[in-house]
């Protein structure tokens, strides 16, 4: 599904869906121990991202 389709289904603004997707990718990348594209090494250390 595309981000606009997801926004429609869950009843949230498109920007909120994109932000949630970004947070999910950051959390997954941290969990797998890999670098996040476009973010300097160590920038995500100590940051706890949660999805409500």
PDB file of N, CA and C in Angstrom:
ATOM      1  N   UNK A   1       0.843  -1.185   0.000  1.00  0.00           N
ATOM      2  CA  UNK A   1       0.000   0.000   0.000  1.00  0.00           C
ATOM      3  C   UNK A   1       0.886   1.246   0.000  1.00  0.00           C
ATOM      4  N   UNK A   2       0.389   2.275  -0.613  1.00  0.00           N
ATOM      5  CA  UNK A   2       1.107   3.546  -0.614  1.00  0.00           C
ATOM      6  C   UNK A   2       0.799   4.319   0.667  1.00  0.00           C
ATOM      7  N   UNK A   3       1.618   5.304   0.967  1.00  0.00           N
ATOM      8  CA  UNK A   3       1.399   6.114   2.169  1.00  0.00           C
ATOM      9  C   UNK A   3       0.032   6.813   2.131  1.00  0.00           C
ATOM     10  N   UNK A   4      -0.387   7.380   0.998  1.00  0.00           N
ATOM     11  CA  UNK A   4      -1.715   8.006   0.970  1.00  0.00           C
ATOM     12  C   UNK A   4      -2.857   7.001   1.222  1.00  0.00           C
ATOM     13  N   UNK A   5      -2.695   5.794   0.707  1.00  0.00           N
ATOM     14  CA  UNK A   5      -3.719   4.764   0.946  1.00  0.00           C
ATOM     15  C   UNK A   5      -3.782   4.393   2.427  1.00  0.00           C
ATOM     16  N   UNK A   6      -2.629   4.249   3.041  1.00  0.00           N
ATOM     17  CA  UNK A   6      -2.578   3.912   4.464  1.00  0.00           C
ATOM     18  C   UNK A   6      -3.216   5.024   5.279  1.00  0.00           C
ATOM     19  N   UNK A   7      -2.907   6.281   4.946  1.00  0.00           N
ATOM     20  CA  UNK A   7      -3.473   7.424   5.662  1.00  0.00           C
ATOM     21  C   UNK A   7      -5.001   7.395   5.592  1.00  0.00           C
ATOM     22  N   UNK A   8      -5.529   7.079   4.440  1.00  0.00           N
ATOM     23  CA  UNK A   8      -6.984   7.008   4.280  1.00  0.00           C
ATOM     24  C   UNK A   8      -7.571   5.895   5.130  1.00  0.00           C
ATOM     25  N   UNK A   9      -6.963   4.723   5.099  1.00  0.00           N
ATOM     26  CA  UNK A   9      -7.477   3.566   5.832  1.00  0.00           C
ATOM     27  C   UNK A   9      -7.447   3.799   7.341  1.00  0.00           C
ATOM     28  N   UNK A  10      -6.340   4.347   7.853  1.00  0.00           N
ATOM     29  CA  UNK A  10      -6.215   4.525   9.306  1.00  0.00           C
ATOM     30  C   UNK A  10      -6.775   5.853   9.795  1.00  0.00           C
ATOM     31  N   UNK A  11      -7.175   6.720   8.872  1.00  0.00           N
ATOM     32  CA  UNK A  11      -7.787   7.989   9.253  1.00  0.00           C
ATOM     33  C   UNK A  11      -6.811   8.985   9.861  1.00  0.00           C
ATOM     34  N   UNK A  12      -5.562   8.979   9.381  1.00  0.00           N
ATOM     35  CA  UNK A  12      -4.548   9.911   9.876  1.00  0.00           C
ATOM     36  C   UNK A  12      -4.047  10.748   8.709  1.00  0.00           C
ATOM     37  N   UNK A  13      -3.513  11.937   9.013  1.00  0.00           N
ATOM     38  CA  UNK A  13      -2.944  12.753   7.934  1.00  0.00           C
ATOM     39  C   UNK A  13      -1.744  12.053   7.284  1.00  0.00           C
ATOM     40  N   UNK A  14      -1.506  12.366   6.036  1.00  0.00           N
ATOM     41  CA  UNK A  14      -0.399  11.758   5.300  1.00  0.00           C
ATOM     42  C   UNK A  14       0.930  12.004   5.999  1.00  0.00           C
ATOM     43  N   UNK A  15       1.145  13.214   6.498  1.00  0.00           N
ATOM     44  CA  UNK A  15       2.389  13.530   7.187  1.00  0.00           C
ATOM     45  C   UNK A  15       2.611  12.654   8.406  1.00  0.00           C
ATOM     46  N   UNK A  16       1.535  12.338   9.130  1.00  0.00           N
ATOM     47  CA  UNK A  16       1.656  11.483  10.311  1.00  0.00           C
ATOM     48  C   UNK A  16       2.051  10.066   9.909  1.00  0.00           C
ATOM     49  N   UNK A  17       1.489   9.584   8.824  1.00  0.00           N
ATOM     50  CA  UNK A  17       1.821   8.242   8.338  1.00  0.00           C
ATOM     51  C   UNK A  17       3.287   8.185   7.921  1.00  0.00           C
ATOM     52  N   UNK A  18       3.749   9.210   7.225  1.00  0.00           N
ATOM     53  CA  UNK A  18       5.152   9.247   6.803  1.00  0.00           C
ATOM     54  C   UNK A  18       6.082   9.299   8.011  1.00  0.00           C
ATOM     55  N   UNK A  19       5.711  10.070   9.025  1.00  0.00           N
ATOM     56  CA  UNK A  19       6.536  10.155  10.234  1.00  0.00           C
ATOM     57  C   UNK A  19       6.577   8.807  10.945  1.00  0.00           C
ATOM     58  N   UNK A  20       5.449   8.126  11.035  1.00  0.00           N
ATOM     59  CA  UNK A  20       5.408   6.807  11.666  1.00  0.00           C
ATOM     60  C   UNK A  20       6.245   5.796  10.886  1.00  0.00           C
ATOM     61  N   UNK A  21       6.195   5.855   9.566  1.00  0.00           N
ATOM     62  CA  UNK A  21       7.008   4.962   8.755  1.00  0.00           C
ATOM     63  C   UNK A  21       8.490   5.237   8.986  1.00  0.00           C
ATOM     64  N   UNK A  22       8.860   6.504   9.066  1.00  0.00           N
ATOM     65  CA  UNK A  22      10.259   6.860   9.308  1.00  0.00           C
ATOM     66  C   UNK A  22      10.713   6.338  10.666  1.00  0.00           C
ATOM     67  N   UNK A  23       9.911   6.544  11.694  1.00  0.00           N
ATOM     68  CA  UNK A  23      10.269   6.052  13.029  1.00  0.00           C
ATOM     69  C   UNK A  23      10.415   4.536  13.033  1.00  0.00           C
ATOM     70  N   UNK A  24       9.529   3.860  12.319  1.00  0.00           N
ATOM     71  CA  UNK A  24       9.606   2.399  12.251  1.00  0.00           C
ATOM     72  C   UNK A  24      10.911   1.956  11.585  1.00  0.00           C
ATOM     73  N   UNK A  25      11.317   2.637  10.520  1.00  0.00           N
ATOM     74  CA  UNK A  25      12.578   2.296   9.850  1.00  0.00           C
ATOM     75  C   UNK A  25      13.780   2.559  10.745  1.00  0.00           C
ATOM     76  N   UNK A  26      13.747   3.667  11.507  1.00  0.00           N
ATOM     77  CA  UNK A  26      14.835   3.966  12.439  1.00  0.00           C
ATOM     78  C   UNK A  26      14.928   2.866  13.489  1.00  0.00           C
ATOM     79  N   UNK A  27      13.780   2.487  14.067  1.00  0.00           N
ATOM     80  CA  UNK A  27      13.778   1.451  15.104  1.00  0.00           C
ATOM     81  C   UNK A  27      14.248   0.110  14.563  1.00  0.00           C
ATOM     82  N   UNK A  28      13.817  -0.249  13.373  1.00  0.00           N
ATOM     83  CA  UNK A  28      14.232  -1.509  12.770  1.00  0.00           C
ATOM     84  C   UNK A  28      15.729  -1.506  12.481  1.00  0.00           C
ATOM     85  N   UNK A  29      16.222  -0.398  11.953  1.00  0.00           N
ATOM     86  CA  UNK A  29      17.644  -0.284  11.661  1.00  0.00           C
ATOM     87  C   UNK A  29      18.461  -0.418  12.941  1.00  0.00           C
ATOM     88  N   UNK A  30      18.030   0.260  14.011  1.00  0.00           N
ATOM     89  CA  UNK A  30      18.732   0.159  15.291  1.00  0.00           C
ATOM     90  C   UNK A  30      18.685  -1.268  15.820  1.00  0.00           C
ATOM     91  N   UNK A  31      17.538  -1.921  15.706  1.00  0.00           N
ATOM     92  CA  UNK A  31      17.391  -3.287  16.210  1.00  0.00           C
ATOM     93  C   UNK A  31      18.300  -4.264  15.465  1.00  0.00           C
ATOM     94  N   UNK A  32      18.489  -4.016  14.170  1.00  0.00           N
ATOM     95  CA  UNK A  32      19.333  -4.890  13.363  1.00  0.00           C
ATOM     96  C   UNK A  32      20.800  -4.491  13.423  1.00  0.00           C
ATOM     97  N   UNK A  33      21.093  -3.345  14.042  1.00  0.00           N
ATOM     98  CA  UNK A  33      22.471  -2.909  14.215  1.00  0.00           C
ATOM     99  C   UNK A  33      23.114  -2.321  12.987  1.00  0.00           C
ATOM    100  N   UNK A  34      22.328  -1.932  12.021  1.00  0.00           N
ATOM    101  CA  UNK A  34      22.886  -1.386  10.792  1.00  0.00           C
ATOM    102  C   UNK A  34      22.874   0.123  10.764  1.00  0.00           C
ATOM    103  N   UNK A  35      23.602   0.707   9.825  1.00  0.00           N
ATOM    104  CA  UNK A  35      23.598   2.168   9.680  1.00  0.00           C
ATOM    105  C   UNK A  35      22.308   2.622   9.003  1.00  0.00           C
ATOM    106  N   UNK A  36      21.855   3.788   9.360  1.00  0.00           N
ATOM    107  CA  UNK A  36      20.651   4.346   8.742  1.00  0.00           C
ATOM    108  C   UNK A  36      21.094   5.300   7.639  1.00  0.00           C
ATOM    109  N   UNK A  37      20.637   5.104   6.401  1.00  0.00           N
ATOM    110  CA  UNK A  37      21.079   5.941   5.286  1.00  0.00           C
ATOM    111  C   UNK A  37      20.809   7.424   5.537  1.00  0.00           C
ATOM    112  N   UNK A  38      21.824   8.249   5.319  1.00  0.00           N
ATOM    113  CA  UNK A  38      21.662   9.686   5.440  1.00  0.00           C
ATOM    114  C   UNK A  38      21.797  10.229   6.848  1.00  0.00           C
ATOM    115  N   UNK A  39      22.033   9.364   7.836  1.00  0.00           N
ATOM    116  CA  UNK A  39      22.184   9.810   9.215  1.00  0.00           C
ATOM    117  C   UNK A  39      23.609   9.492   9.661  1.00  0.00           C
ATOM    118  N   UNK A  40      24.343  10.487  10.138  1.00  0.00           N
ATOM    119  CA  UNK A  40      25.727  10.240  10.567  1.00  0.00           C
ATOM    120  C   UNK A  40      25.798   9.157  11.644  1.00  0.00           C
ATOM    121  N   UNK A  41      26.848   8.358  11.602  1.00  0.00           N
ATOM    122  CA  UNK A  41      27.057   7.276  12.571  1.00  0.00           C
ATOM    123  C   UNK A  41      27.013   7.837  13.985  1.00  0.00           C
ATOM    124  N   UNK A  42      26.293   7.185  14.870  1.00  0.00           N
ATOM    125  CA  UNK A  42      26.199   7.591  16.265  1.00  0.00           C
ATOM    126  C   UNK A  42      25.088   8.577  16.559  1.00  0.00           C
ATOM    127  N   UNK A  43      24.474   9.144  15.541  1.00  0.00           N
ATOM    128  CA  UNK A  43      23.426  10.151  15.756  1.00  0.00           C
ATOM    129  C   UNK A  43      22.191   9.558  16.407  1.00  0.00           C
ATOM    130  N   UNK A  44      21.912   8.287  16.168  1.00  0.00           N
ATOM    131  CA  UNK A  44      20.716   7.648  16.717  1.00  0.00           C
ATOM    132  C   UNK A  44      20.968   7.008  18.073  1.00  0.00           C
ATOM    133  N   UNK A  45      22.217   6.994  18.520  1.00  0.00           N
ATOM    134  CA  UNK A  45      22.541   6.361  19.796  1.00  0.00           C
ATOM    135  C   UNK A  45      21.796   7.035  20.931  1.00  0.00           C
ATOM    136  N   UNK A  46      21.191   6.229  21.785  1.00  0.00           N
ATOM    137  CA  UNK A  46      20.505   6.748  22.949  1.00  0.00           C
ATOM    138  C   UNK A  46      19.118   7.295  22.700  1.00  0.00           C
ATOM    139  N   UNK A  47      18.703   7.353  21.444  1.00  0.00           N
ATOM    140  CA  UNK A  47      17.361   7.848  21.134  1.00  0.00           C
ATOM    141  C   UNK A  47      16.385   6.696  21.182  1.00  0.00           C
ATOM    142  N   UNK A  48      15.370   6.857  21.920  1.00  0.00           N
ATOM    143  CA  UNK A  48      14.318   5.849  21.987  1.00  0.00           C
ATOM    144  C   UNK A  48      13.111   6.368  21.237  1.00  0.00           C
ATOM    145  N   UNK A  49      12.785   5.738  20.160  1.00  0.00           N
ATOM    146  CA  UNK A  49      11.613   6.103  19.365  1.00  0.00           C
ATOM    147  C   UNK A  49      10.492   5.142  19.709  1.00  0.00           C
ATOM    148  N   UNK A  50       9.335   5.680  19.960  1.00  0.00           N
ATOM    149  CA  UNK A  50       8.178   4.824  20.234  1.00  0.00           C
ATOM    150  C   UNK A  50       7.045   5.200  19.317  1.00  0.00           C
ATOM    151  N   UNK A  51       6.250   4.222  19.004  1.00  0.00           N
ATOM    152  CA  UNK A  51       5.065   4.441  18.178  1.00  0.00           C
ATOM    153  C   UNK A  51       3.851   4.187  19.064  1.00  0.00           C
ATOM    154  N   UNK A  52       3.029   5.195  19.196  1.00  0.00           N
ATOM    155  CA  UNK A  52       1.848   5.059  20.059  1.00  0.00           C
ATOM    156  C   UNK A  52       0.744   4.296  19.389  1.00  0.00           C
TER     157      UNK A  52
END
